[in-house]
């Protein structure tokens, strides 16, 4: 019997019990975020330095407006990684509302899901009142990837909330297995956006290879 998964409502418990999805902690399973990464040009570094400075400036004037994370941080990254150009195309899924009570205050946010040719998924976590951790979006991202992954090749994803970035790899095979990159943080010394862009470019190269 075919199982139907509703990504908006799924939990990690659902994924483990219904689909037997398994976390892999072997460093060799997900080398794509570390090996054969493209160089970032000086012009690209300057653009990413502006992105970091822009986001830092916005944080001084809360609350952030809706879609600020996508406009200020995600859109420049996708542009520099050529994900707005053929053979890729960007589609958006319906936003998912997230609600949490923090010291008696109701905090509302949303998960925005972006698909890049169904081979690469991005979930953006946005909140007007406070920052949600990336963990809140992990089940939804894995559910979208699981529903669209091909048995013969891996699917990749990116979770971000403006300042934090986490890459995910999912391989279906006989049993669905997934792994994470390390977490990149916008306010680490230097600029972690350089690494994020380089990884995006590498995953884009891999996906183009799968499409031809």
C-alpha atoms as a PDB file:
ATOM      1  CA  UNK A   1       0.000   0.000   0.000  1.00  0.00           C
ATOM      2  CA  UNK A   2       1.372   3.404  -0.999  1.00  0.00           C
ATOM      3  CA  UNK A   3       1.974   5.715   1.944  1.00  0.00           C
ATOM      4  CA  UNK A   4       1.171   9.409   1.650  1.00  0.00           C
ATOM      5  CA  UNK A   5       3.251  11.923   3.556  1.00  0.00           C
ATOM      6  CA  UNK A   6       2.030  15.407   4.467  1.00  0.00           C
ATOM      7  CA  UNK A   7       5.237  17.391   4.786  1.00  0.00           C
ATOM      8  CA  UNK A   8       3.643  20.273   6.653  1.00  0.00           C
ATOM      9  CA  UNK A   9       2.632  18.146   9.624  1.00  0.00           C
ATOM     10  CA  UNK A  10       5.352  15.498   9.717  1.00  0.00           C
ATOM     11  CA  UNK A  11       7.591  14.897  12.758  1.00  0.00           C
ATOM     12  CA  UNK A  12      10.887  13.076  13.090  1.00  0.00           C
ATOM     13  CA  UNK A  13       8.992  10.306  14.894  1.00  0.00           C
ATOM     14  CA  UNK A  14       6.779   9.901  11.809  1.00  0.00           C
ATOM     15  CA  UNK A  15       9.790   9.681   9.538  1.00  0.00           C
ATOM     16  CA  UNK A  16      11.521   7.089  11.688  1.00  0.00           C
ATOM     17  CA  UNK A  17       8.509   4.859  12.342  1.00  0.00           C
ATOM     18  CA  UNK A  18       6.670   5.058   9.017  1.00  0.00           C
ATOM     19  CA  UNK A  19       9.534   5.420   6.590  1.00  0.00           C
ATOM     20  CA  UNK A  20      12.487   4.012   8.560  1.00  0.00           C
ATOM     21  CA  UNK A  21      14.624   7.008   7.671  1.00  0.00           C
ATOM     22  CA  UNK A  22      18.071   6.759   9.228  1.00  0.00           C
ATOM     23  CA  UNK A  23      20.676   9.350  10.241  1.00  0.00           C
ATOM     24  CA  UNK A  24      24.197   8.546   9.009  1.00  0.00           C
ATOM     25  CA  UNK A  25      27.079   9.978  11.032  1.00  0.00           C
ATOM     26  CA  UNK A  26      29.862   8.526   8.880  1.00  0.00           C
ATOM     27  CA  UNK A  27      31.891  11.474   7.579  1.00  0.00           C
ATOM     28  CA  UNK A  28      32.321   9.755   4.202  1.00  0.00           C
ATOM     29  CA  UNK A  29      28.582   9.647   3.484  1.00  0.00           C
ATOM     30  CA  UNK A  30      28.269  13.380   2.756  1.00  0.00           C
ATOM     31  CA  UNK A  31      31.522  14.611   1.244  1.00  0.00           C
ATOM     32  CA  UNK A  32      29.900  16.940  -1.274  1.00  0.00           C
ATOM     33  CA  UNK A  33      29.938  19.885   1.136  1.00  0.00           C
ATOM     34  CA  UNK A  34      33.691  19.457   1.670  1.00  0.00           C
ATOM     35  CA  UNK A  35      35.330  18.119  -1.507  1.00  0.00           C
ATOM     36  CA  UNK A  36      35.965  19.706  -4.922  1.00  0.00           C
ATOM     37  CA  UNK A  37      34.418  23.032  -3.930  1.00  0.00           C
ATOM     38  CA  UNK A  38      34.615  25.860  -6.501  1.00  0.00           C
ATOM     39  CA  UNK A  39      36.666  28.947  -5.728  1.00  0.00           C
ATOM     40  CA  UNK A  40      34.791  32.135  -4.873  1.00  0.00           C
ATOM     41  CA  UNK A  41      35.871  35.232  -6.799  1.00  0.00           C
ATOM     42  CA  UNK A  42      36.824  38.512  -5.146  1.00  0.00           C
ATOM     43  CA  UNK A  43      33.724  40.143  -6.642  1.00  0.00           C
ATOM     44  CA  UNK A  44      31.548  37.421  -5.118  1.00  0.00           C
ATOM     45  CA  UNK A  45      33.238  37.862  -1.745  1.00  0.00           C
ATOM     46  CA  UNK A  46      32.548  41.592  -1.852  1.00  0.00           C
ATOM     47  CA  UNK A  47      28.876  40.904  -2.639  1.00  0.00           C
ATOM     48  CA  UNK A  48      28.628  38.445   0.254  1.00  0.00           C
ATOM     49  CA  UNK A  49      30.315  40.914   2.597  1.00  0.00           C
ATOM     50  CA  UNK A  50      27.529  43.359   1.700  1.00  0.00           C
ATOM     51  CA  UNK A  51      24.909  40.676   2.390  1.00  0.00           C
ATOM     52  CA  UNK A  52      26.397  40.062   5.836  1.00  0.00           C
ATOM     53  CA  UNK A  53      26.571  43.788   6.589  1.00  0.00           C
ATOM     54  CA  UNK A  54      22.989  44.308   5.369  1.00  0.00           C
ATOM     55  CA  UNK A  55      21.590  41.550   7.550  1.00  0.00           C
ATOM     56  CA  UNK A  56      23.549  42.750  10.578  1.00  0.00           C
ATOM     57  CA  UNK A  57      22.166  46.262  10.040  1.00  0.00           C
ATOM     58  CA  UNK A  58      18.583  44.976   9.817  1.00  0.00           C
ATOM     59  CA  UNK A  59      18.944  43.184  13.154  1.00  0.00           C
ATOM     60  CA  UNK A  60      19.468  46.554  14.844  1.00  0.00           C
ATOM     61  CA  UNK A  61      15.924  47.609  13.904  1.00  0.00           C
ATOM     62  CA  UNK A  62      13.565  44.801  14.937  1.00  0.00           C
ATOM     63  CA  UNK A  63      11.147  43.370  14.183  1.00  0.00           C
ATOM     64  CA  UNK A  64      12.311  42.081  10.805  1.00  0.00           C
ATOM     65  CA  UNK A  65       9.755  42.444   8.043  1.00  0.00           C
ATOM     66  CA  UNK A  66       8.303  39.337   6.448  1.00  0.00           C
ATOM     67  CA  UNK A  67      10.413  37.862   3.652  1.00  0.00           C
ATOM     68  CA  UNK A  68      13.465  39.851   4.767  1.00  0.00           C
ATOM     69  CA  UNK A  69      15.560  36.695   5.120  1.00  0.00           C
ATOM     70  CA  UNK A  70      14.739  35.624   1.576  1.00  0.00           C
ATOM     71  CA  UNK A  71      15.213  39.078   0.096  1.00  0.00           C
ATOM     72  CA  UNK A  72      18.434  40.040   1.853  1.00  0.00           C
ATOM     73  CA  UNK A  73      20.232  36.707   2.312  1.00  0.00           C
ATOM     74  CA  UNK A  74      18.783  33.868   0.229  1.00  0.00           C
ATOM     75  CA  UNK A  75      18.126  35.676  -3.044  1.00  0.00           C
ATOM     76  CA  UNK A  76      21.725  36.933  -3.498  1.00  0.00           C
ATOM     77  CA  UNK A  77      23.047  33.441  -2.731  1.00  0.00           C
ATOM     78  CA  UNK A  78      20.785  31.786  -5.309  1.00  0.00           C
ATOM     79  CA  UNK A  79      21.686  34.453  -7.856  1.00  0.00           C
ATOM     80  CA  UNK A  80      25.436  34.055  -7.357  1.00  0.00           C
ATOM     81  CA  UNK A  81      25.080  30.253  -7.540  1.00  0.00           C
ATOM     82  CA  UNK A  82      23.214  30.618 -10.891  1.00  0.00           C
ATOM     83  CA  UNK A  83      20.086  28.901  -9.592  1.00  0.00           C
ATOM     84  CA  UNK A  84      17.895  31.477 -11.344  1.00  0.00           C
ATOM     85  CA  UNK A  85      19.298  30.394 -14.716  1.00  0.00           C
ATOM     86  CA  UNK A  86      18.498  27.377 -16.904  1.00  0.00           C
ATOM     87  CA  UNK A  87      18.425  24.412 -16.368  1.00  0.00           C
ATOM     88  CA  UNK A  88      17.227  25.337 -12.854  1.00  0.00           C
ATOM     89  CA  UNK A  89      13.978  27.004 -11.984  1.00  0.00           C
ATOM     90  CA  UNK A  90      12.649  28.071  -8.614  1.00  0.00           C
ATOM     91  CA  UNK A  91       9.199  27.094  -7.379  1.00  0.00           C
ATOM     92  CA  UNK A  92       7.632  27.876  -4.016  1.00  0.00           C
ATOM     93  CA  UNK A  93       5.505  25.598  -1.882  1.00  0.00           C
ATOM     94  CA  UNK A  94       2.825  26.841   0.516  1.00  0.00           C
ATOM     95  CA  UNK A  95       4.205  28.478   3.654  1.00  0.00           C
ATOM     96  CA  UNK A  96       3.820  26.603   6.947  1.00  0.00           C
ATOM     97  CA  UNK A  97       3.083  28.581  10.119  1.00  0.00           C
ATOM     98  CA  UNK A  98       5.050  27.769  13.261  1.00  0.00           C
ATOM     99  CA  UNK A  99       3.968  28.901  16.726  1.00  0.00           C
ATOM    100  CA  UNK A 100       5.856  28.729  20.009  1.00  0.00           C
ATOM    101  CA  UNK A 101       5.295  30.185  23.466  1.00  0.00           C
ATOM    102  CA  UNK A 102       8.393  31.892  24.863  1.00  0.00           C
ATOM    103  CA  UNK A 103       8.105  33.081  28.478  1.00  0.00           C
ATOM    104  CA  UNK A 104       4.398  33.755  28.115  1.00  0.00           C
ATOM    105  CA  UNK A 105       4.780  35.439  24.714  1.00  0.00           C
ATOM    106  CA  UNK A 106       3.397  33.756  21.590  1.00  0.00           C
ATOM    107  CA  UNK A 107       6.053  33.707  18.887  1.00  0.00           C
ATOM    108  CA  UNK A 108       4.859  33.185  15.322  1.00  0.00           C
ATOM    109  CA  UNK A 109       6.907  32.424  12.268  1.00  0.00           C
ATOM    110  CA  UNK A 110       6.743  30.514   9.024  1.00  0.00           C
ATOM    111  CA  UNK A 111       8.582  27.918   7.001  1.00  0.00           C
ATOM    112  CA  UNK A 112       8.947  28.897   3.349  1.00  0.00           C
ATOM    113  CA  UNK A 113       9.828  26.024   1.056  1.00  0.00           C
ATOM    114  CA  UNK A 114      11.655  26.573  -2.229  1.00  0.00           C
ATOM    115  CA  UNK A 115      12.364  23.811  -4.745  1.00  0.00           C
ATOM    116  CA  UNK A 116      15.144  24.083  -7.297  1.00  0.00           C
ATOM    117  CA  UNK A 117      14.281  21.611 -10.074  1.00  0.00           C
ATOM    118  CA  UNK A 118      13.003  19.132  -7.429  1.00  0.00           C
ATOM    119  CA  UNK A 119      16.622  18.071  -6.881  1.00  0.00           C
ATOM    120  CA  UNK A 120      17.508  20.685  -4.304  1.00  0.00           C
ATOM    121  CA  UNK A 121      15.170  21.982  -1.597  1.00  0.00           C
ATOM    122  CA  UNK A 122      15.539  25.075   0.553  1.00  0.00           C
ATOM    123  CA  UNK A 123      13.563  25.796   3.715  1.00  0.00           C
ATOM    124  CA  UNK A 124      13.690  29.346   5.059  1.00  0.00           C
ATOM    125  CA  UNK A 125      12.615  29.835   8.687  1.00  0.00           C
ATOM    126  CA  UNK A 126      11.280  33.321   9.301  1.00  0.00           C
ATOM    127  CA  UNK A 127       9.970  34.974  12.456  1.00  0.00           C
ATOM    128  CA  UNK A 128       9.034  38.555  13.268  1.00  0.00           C
ATOM    129  CA  UNK A 129       9.511  38.195  17.024  1.00  0.00           C
ATOM    130  CA  UNK A 130      12.436  35.837  17.608  1.00  0.00           C
ATOM    131  CA  UNK A 131      14.723  33.457  15.798  1.00  0.00           C
ATOM    132  CA  UNK A 132      13.675  29.823  15.545  1.00  0.00           C
ATOM    133  CA  UNK A 133      16.429  27.234  15.515  1.00  0.00           C
ATOM    134  CA  UNK A 134      17.033  25.202  12.376  1.00  0.00           C
ATOM    135  CA  UNK A 135      15.784  22.056  14.110  1.00  0.00           C
ATOM    136  CA  UNK A 136      12.174  23.183  13.687  1.00  0.00           C
ATOM    137  CA  UNK A 137      12.474  22.766   9.905  1.00  0.00           C
ATOM    138  CA  UNK A 138      14.379  19.478   9.705  1.00  0.00           C
ATOM    139  CA  UNK A 139      11.326  17.128   9.571  1.00  0.00           C
ATOM    140  CA  UNK A 140       9.632  19.206   6.875  1.00  0.00           C
ATOM    141  CA  UNK A 141      12.762  19.418   4.741  1.00  0.00           C
ATOM    142  CA  UNK A 142      13.385  15.672   4.968  1.00  0.00           C
ATOM    143  CA  UNK A 143       9.739  14.983   4.115  1.00  0.00           C
ATOM    144  CA  UNK A 144       9.893  17.053   0.935  1.00  0.00           C
ATOM    145  CA  UNK A 145      13.172  15.430  -0.032  1.00  0.00           C
ATOM    146  CA  UNK A 146      11.875  11.938   0.738  1.00  0.00           C
ATOM    147  CA  UNK A 147       8.750  12.454  -1.345  1.00  0.00           C
ATOM    148  CA  UNK A 148      10.741  13.550  -4.400  1.00  0.00           C
ATOM    149  CA  UNK A 149      14.048  11.716  -4.158  1.00  0.00           C
ATOM    150  CA  UNK A 150      15.056   9.339  -6.951  1.00  0.00           C
ATOM    151  CA  UNK A 151      16.275   5.907  -5.971  1.00  0.00           C
ATOM    152  CA  UNK A 152      19.353   6.206  -8.187  1.00  0.00           C
ATOM    153  CA  UNK A 153      20.735   9.537  -7.004  1.00  0.00           C
ATOM    154  CA  UNK A 154      20.882  11.696  -3.855  1.00  0.00           C
ATOM    155  CA  UNK A 155      18.829  14.795  -3.148  1.00  0.00           C
ATOM    156  CA  UNK A 156      20.152  17.817  -1.275  1.00  0.00           C
ATOM    157  CA  UNK A 157      18.623  20.485   0.918  1.00  0.00           C
ATOM    158  CA  UNK A 158      19.474  23.678   2.764  1.00  0.00           C
ATOM    159  CA  UNK A 159      17.956  24.902   6.015  1.00  0.00           C
ATOM    160  CA  UNK A 160      18.460  28.555   6.924  1.00  0.00           C
ATOM    161  CA  UNK A 161      17.016  31.168   9.259  1.00  0.00           C
ATOM    162  CA  UNK A 162      19.029  34.190   8.184  1.00  0.00           C
ATOM    163  CA  UNK A 163      22.103  33.651  10.324  1.00  0.00           C
ATOM    164  CA  UNK A 164      22.400  29.826  10.427  1.00  0.00           C
ATOM    165  CA  UNK A 165      22.828  27.475   7.475  1.00  0.00           C
ATOM    166  CA  UNK A 166      22.755  23.660   7.400  1.00  0.00           C
ATOM    167  CA  UNK A 167      23.053  21.401   4.342  1.00  0.00           C
ATOM    168  CA  UNK A 168      21.344  18.002   4.158  1.00  0.00           C
ATOM    169  CA  UNK A 169      21.866  14.974   1.912  1.00  0.00           C
ATOM    170  CA  UNK A 170      19.288  12.213   1.463  1.00  0.00           C
ATOM    171  CA  UNK A 171      19.822   8.901  -0.321  1.00  0.00           C
ATOM    172  CA  UNK A 172      16.882   6.547  -0.743  1.00  0.00           C
ATOM    173  CA  UNK A 173      18.359   3.151  -1.707  1.00  0.00           C
ATOM    174  CA  UNK A 174      17.035   0.143   0.200  1.00  0.00           C
ATOM    175  CA  UNK A 175      16.600   2.389   3.237  1.00  0.00           C
ATOM    176  CA  UNK A 176      16.403   6.177   3.235  1.00  0.00           C
ATOM    177  CA  UNK A 177      19.520   7.643   4.834  1.00  0.00           C
ATOM    178  CA  UNK A 178      20.413  11.261   5.509  1.00  0.00           C
ATOM    179  CA  UNK A 179      23.291  13.306   6.887  1.00  0.00           C
ATOM    180  CA  UNK A 180      24.102  16.899   7.777  1.00  0.00           C
ATOM    181  CA  UNK A 181      26.958  19.240   7.004  1.00  0.00           C
ATOM    182  CA  UNK A 182      28.380  21.294   9.812  1.00  0.00           C
ATOM    183  CA  UNK A 183      26.369  24.388  10.707  1.00  0.00           C
ATOM    184  CA  UNK A 184      27.503  27.657   9.172  1.00  0.00           C
ATOM    185  CA  UNK A 185      26.894  30.870  11.120  1.00  0.00           C
ATOM    186  CA  UNK A 186      26.793  34.319   9.583  1.00  0.00           C
ATOM    187  CA  UNK A 187      28.517  35.976  12.544  1.00  0.00           C
ATOM    188  CA  UNK A 188      31.470  33.636  12.860  1.00  0.00           C
ATOM    189  CA  UNK A 189      34.840  35.354  12.314  1.00  0.00           C
ATOM    190  CA  UNK A 190      35.351  35.975   8.614  1.00  0.00           C
ATOM    191  CA  UNK A 191      32.336  35.289   6.437  1.00  0.00           C
ATOM    192  CA  UNK A 192      30.783  31.799   6.376  1.00  0.00           C
ATOM    193  CA  UNK A 193      28.691  32.888   3.382  1.00  0.00           C
ATOM    194  CA  UNK A 194      31.784  32.215   1.268  1.00  0.00           C
ATOM    195  CA  UNK A 195      31.549  28.538   2.194  1.00  0.00           C
ATOM    196  CA  UNK A 196      27.764  28.467   1.786  1.00  0.00           C
ATOM    197  CA  UNK A 197      28.012  29.859  -1.739  1.00  0.00           C
ATOM    198  CA  UNK A 198      30.821  27.483  -2.673  1.00  0.00           C
ATOM    199  CA  UNK A 199      28.750  24.502  -1.511  1.00  0.00           C
ATOM    200  CA  UNK A 200      25.694  25.772  -3.396  1.00  0.00           C
ATOM    201  CA  UNK A 201      27.787  26.006  -6.549  1.00  0.00           C
ATOM    202  CA  UNK A 202      29.101  22.467  -6.043  1.00  0.00           C
ATOM    203  CA  UNK A 203      25.630  21.012  -5.489  1.00  0.00           C
ATOM    204  CA  UNK A 204      24.445  22.880  -8.554  1.00  0.00           C
ATOM    205  CA  UNK A 205      27.199  21.250 -10.606  1.00  0.00           C
ATOM    206  CA  UNK A 206      26.171  17.815  -9.342  1.00  0.00           C
ATOM    207  CA  UNK A 207      22.532  18.434 -10.184  1.00  0.00           C
ATOM    208  CA  UNK A 208      23.349  19.650 -13.687  1.00  0.00           C
ATOM    209  CA  UNK A 209      25.330  16.429 -14.166  1.00  0.00           C
ATOM    210  CA  UNK A 210      22.248  14.444 -13.173  1.00  0.00           C
ATOM    211  CA  UNK A 211      20.025  16.356 -15.588  1.00  0.00           C
ATOM    212  CA  UNK A 212      22.094  15.760 -18.727  1.00  0.00           C
END
